[in-house]
C-alpha atoms as a PDB file:
ATOM      1  CA  MET A   1      -2.694  61.496  28.474  1.00  0.00           C
ATOM      2  CA  LYS A   2      -3.273  63.600  25.381  1.00  0.00           C
ATOM      3  CA  LYS A   3       0.441  64.236  24.953  1.00  0.00           C
ATOM      4  CA  GLY A   4       1.257  60.515  25.247  1.00  0.00           C
ATOM      5  CA  PHE A   5      -1.315  59.666  22.582  1.00  0.00           C
ATOM      6  CA  TYR A   6       0.054  62.308  20.204  1.00  0.00           C
ATOM      7  CA  ASN A   7       3.594  61.045  20.786  1.00  0.00           C
ATOM      8  CA  LEU A   8       2.422  57.589  19.880  1.00  0.00           C
ATOM      9  CA  LEU A   9       0.760  58.857  16.683  1.00  0.00           C
ATOM     10  CA  LYS A  10       3.826  60.860  15.721  1.00  0.00           C
ATOM     11  CA  ALA A  11       5.990  57.744  16.350  1.00  0.00           C
ATOM     12  CA  ASN A  12       8.335  59.583  18.728  1.00  0.00           C
ATOM     13  CA  PHE A  13       9.266  56.228  20.248  1.00  0.00           C
ATOM     14  CA  LEU A  14      11.031  55.372  16.965  1.00  0.00           C
ATOM     15  CA  ILE A  15      13.126  58.520  16.749  1.00  0.00           C
ATOM     16  CA  SER A  16      13.939  59.181  20.384  1.00  0.00           C
ATOM     17  CA  GLU A  17      17.351  58.526  21.913  1.00  0.00           C
ATOM     18  CA  ASP A  18      16.557  55.041  23.197  1.00  0.00           C
ATOM     19  CA  ALA A  19      14.870  54.038  19.925  1.00  0.00           C
ATOM     20  CA  VAL A  20      17.416  51.271  19.264  1.00  0.00           C
ATOM     21  CA  LYS A  21      15.660  49.045  21.801  1.00  0.00           C
ATOM     22  CA  ASN A  22      12.326  49.706  20.151  1.00  0.00           C
ATOM     23  CA  TRP A  23      13.683  49.008  16.645  1.00  0.00           C
ATOM     24  CA  ARG A  24      15.196  45.727  17.815  1.00  0.00           C
ATOM     25  CA  PHE A  25      11.843  44.661  19.219  1.00  0.00           C
ATOM     26  CA  ILE A  26      10.014  45.682  16.017  1.00  0.00           C
ATOM     27  CA  VAL A  27      12.487  43.760  13.847  1.00  0.00           C
ATOM     28  CA  PHE A  28      12.184  40.748  16.164  1.00  0.00           C
ATOM     29  CA  CYS A  29       8.370  40.834  15.927  1.00  0.00           C
ATOM     30  CA  THR A  30       8.564  41.177  12.138  1.00  0.00           C
ATOM     31  CA  ILE A  31      10.870  38.153  11.843  1.00  0.00           C
ATOM     32  CA  LEU A  32       8.548  36.124  14.074  1.00  0.00           C
ATOM     33  CA  ALA A  33       5.562  37.115  11.915  1.00  0.00           C
ATOM     34  CA  ILE A  34       7.396  36.056   8.732  1.00  0.00           C
ATOM     35  CA  ILE A  35       8.316  32.703  10.290  1.00  0.00           C
ATOM     36  CA  MET A  36       4.726  32.177  11.416  1.00  0.00           C
ATOM     37  CA  ILE A  37       3.351  32.959   7.941  1.00  0.00           C
ATOM     38  CA  ALA A  38       5.868  30.607   6.289  1.00  0.00           C
ATOM     39  CA  SER A  39       4.988  27.854   8.738  1.00  0.00           C
ATOM     40  CA  SER A  40       1.283  28.246   8.054  1.00  0.00           C
ATOM     41  CA  HIS A  41       1.906  28.100   4.289  1.00  0.00           C
ATOM     42  CA  ASN A  42       3.896  24.883   4.711  1.00  0.00           C
ATOM     43  CA  ALA A  43       1.114  23.371   6.822  1.00  0.00           C
ATOM     44  CA  GLU A  44      -1.497  24.283   4.199  1.00  0.00           C
ATOM     45  CA  LYS A  45       0.666  22.773   1.474  1.00  0.00           C
ATOM     46  CA  LYS A  46       0.899  19.518   3.421  1.00  0.00           C
ATOM     47  CA  VAL A  47      -2.864  19.447   3.981  1.00  0.00           C
ATOM     48  CA  HIS A  48      -3.461  19.813   0.233  1.00  0.00           C
ATOM     49  CA  GLN A  49      -0.892  17.120  -0.508  1.00  0.00           C
ATOM     50  CA  ILE A  50      -2.522  14.739   1.983  1.00  0.00           C
ATOM     51  CA  ALA A  51      -5.941  15.350   0.413  1.00  0.00           C
ATOM     52  CA  LYS A  52      -4.537  14.706  -3.068  1.00  0.00           C
ATOM     53  CA  LEU A  53      -2.841  11.493  -1.970  1.00  0.00           C
ATOM     54  CA  SER A  54      -5.948  10.219  -0.195  1.00  0.00           C
ATOM     55  CA  ASN A  55      -7.968  10.757  -3.380  1.00  0.00           C
ATOM     56  CA  GLU A  56      -5.319   8.879  -5.346  1.00  0.00           C
ATOM     57  CA  VAL A  57      -5.411   6.012  -2.828  1.00  0.00           C
ATOM     58  CA  ARG A  58      -9.194   5.850  -3.138  1.00  0.00           C
ATOM     59  CA  GLU A  59      -8.969   5.687  -6.935  1.00  0.00           C
ATOM     60  CA  LEU A  60      -6.271   3.012  -6.846  1.00  0.00           C
ATOM     61  CA  ARG A  61      -8.255   0.948  -4.343  1.00  0.00           C
ATOM     62  CA  SER A  62     -11.360   1.021  -6.543  1.00  0.00           C
ATOM     63  CA  GLU A  63      -9.252   0.113  -9.589  1.00  0.00           C
ATOM     64  CA  HIS A  64      -7.759  -2.805  -7.644  1.00  0.00           C
ATOM     65  CA  ILE A  65     -11.199  -4.097  -6.684  1.00  0.00           C
ATOM     66  CA  GLU A  66     -12.394  -3.768 -10.266  1.00  0.00           C
ATOM     67  CA  ARG A  67      -9.403  -5.664 -11.664  1.00  0.00           C
ATOM     68  CA  ARG A  68      -9.669  -8.351  -8.992  1.00  0.00           C
ATOM     69  CA  SER A  69     -13.319  -8.964  -9.868  1.00  0.00           C
ATOM     70  CA  SER A  70     -12.518  -9.155 -13.594  1.00  0.00           C
ATOM     71  CA  LEU A  71      -9.699 -11.623 -12.803  1.00  0.00           C
ATOM     72  CA  MET A  72     -12.118 -13.772 -10.815  1.00  0.00           C
ATOM     73  CA  LYS A  73     -14.473 -13.832 -13.815  1.00  0.00           C
ATOM     74  CA  ILE A  74     -11.620 -14.785 -16.129  1.00  0.00           C
ATOM     75  CA  LYS A  75     -10.466 -17.590 -13.798  1.00  0.00           C
ATOM     76  CA  MET A  76     -13.905 -19.195 -13.598  1.00  0.00           C
ATOM     77  CA  GLU A  77     -14.054 -22.695 -15.105  1.00  0.00           C
ATOM     78  CA  SER A  78     -17.000 -21.843 -17.344  1.00  0.00           C
ATOM     79  CA  THR A  79     -15.128 -18.898 -18.872  1.00  0.00           C
ATOM     80  CA  ILE A  80     -12.055 -21.020 -19.484  1.00  0.00           C
ATOM     81  CA  THR A  81     -14.061 -23.853 -21.106  1.00  0.00           C
ATOM     82  CA  ASP A  82     -15.866 -21.373 -23.352  1.00  0.00           C
ATOM     83  CA  ARG A  83     -12.590 -19.826 -24.517  1.00  0.00           C
ATOM     84  CA  MET A  84     -10.945 -23.194 -25.065  1.00  0.00           C
ATOM     85  CA  ALA A  85     -14.012 -24.481 -26.949  1.00  0.00           C
ATOM     86  CA  GLU A  86     -13.436 -21.700 -29.493  1.00  0.00           C
ATOM     87  CA  LYS A  87      -9.950 -23.161 -30.086  1.00  0.00           C
ATOM     88  CA  GLY A  88     -11.250 -26.729 -30.311  1.00  0.00           C
ATOM     89  CA  VAL A  89     -10.059 -27.915 -26.897  1.00  0.00           C
ATOM     90  CA  GLY A  90     -12.604 -29.348 -24.500  1.00  0.00           C
ATOM     91  CA  PRO A  91     -12.582 -30.849 -21.029  1.00  0.00           C
ATOM     92  CA  SER A  92     -11.526 -34.473 -20.701  1.00  0.00           C
ATOM     93  CA  ASP A  93     -14.223 -37.126 -20.361  1.00  0.00           C
ATOM     94  CA  THR A  94     -12.001 -39.528 -18.426  1.00  0.00           C
ATOM     95  CA  PRO A  95     -10.548 -38.569 -15.083  1.00  0.00           C
ATOM     96  CA  PRO A  96      -6.763 -38.385 -14.768  1.00  0.00           C
ATOM     97  CA  ASN A  97      -4.797 -41.410 -13.577  1.00  0.00           C
ATOM     98  CA  LYS A  98      -2.449 -41.202 -10.660  1.00  0.00           C
ATOM     99  CA  ILE A  99       1.127 -42.135 -11.501  1.00  0.00           C
ATOM    100  CA  ARG A 100       3.092 -43.793  -8.740  1.00  0.00           C
ATOM    101  CA  VAL A 101       6.835 -43.943  -8.847  1.00  0.00           C
ATOM    102  CA  ILE A 102       8.432 -46.733  -6.845  1.00  0.00           C
ATOM    103  CA  ILE A 103      12.097 -46.274  -6.089  1.00  0.00           C
ATOM    104  CA  LYS A 104      14.000 -49.556  -5.580  1.00  0.00           C
ATOM    105  CA  GLU A 105      17.168 -49.536  -3.620  1.00  0.00           C
END
């Protein structure tokens, strides 16, 4: 038991005659670890991008609501009459007449 532990500490499994198998396994594990780290970095990057885009969507939605409410205020009849009164144009006192076109054959 003691000898096996010392061999492990001295890394005899890396310099023995059948060490090629061990080196292949170590390189394989290292490559897997690098792939796993890269994958986790990509996932984190996507999470940050999703958070950024959701904040942008929230801002754009609030801007849309704000502009829609200002448009509704601008389209109100009282606002239009006030603006046109400044230019000297007022609402008509007489209602419009309906024009009928009769086509004769």
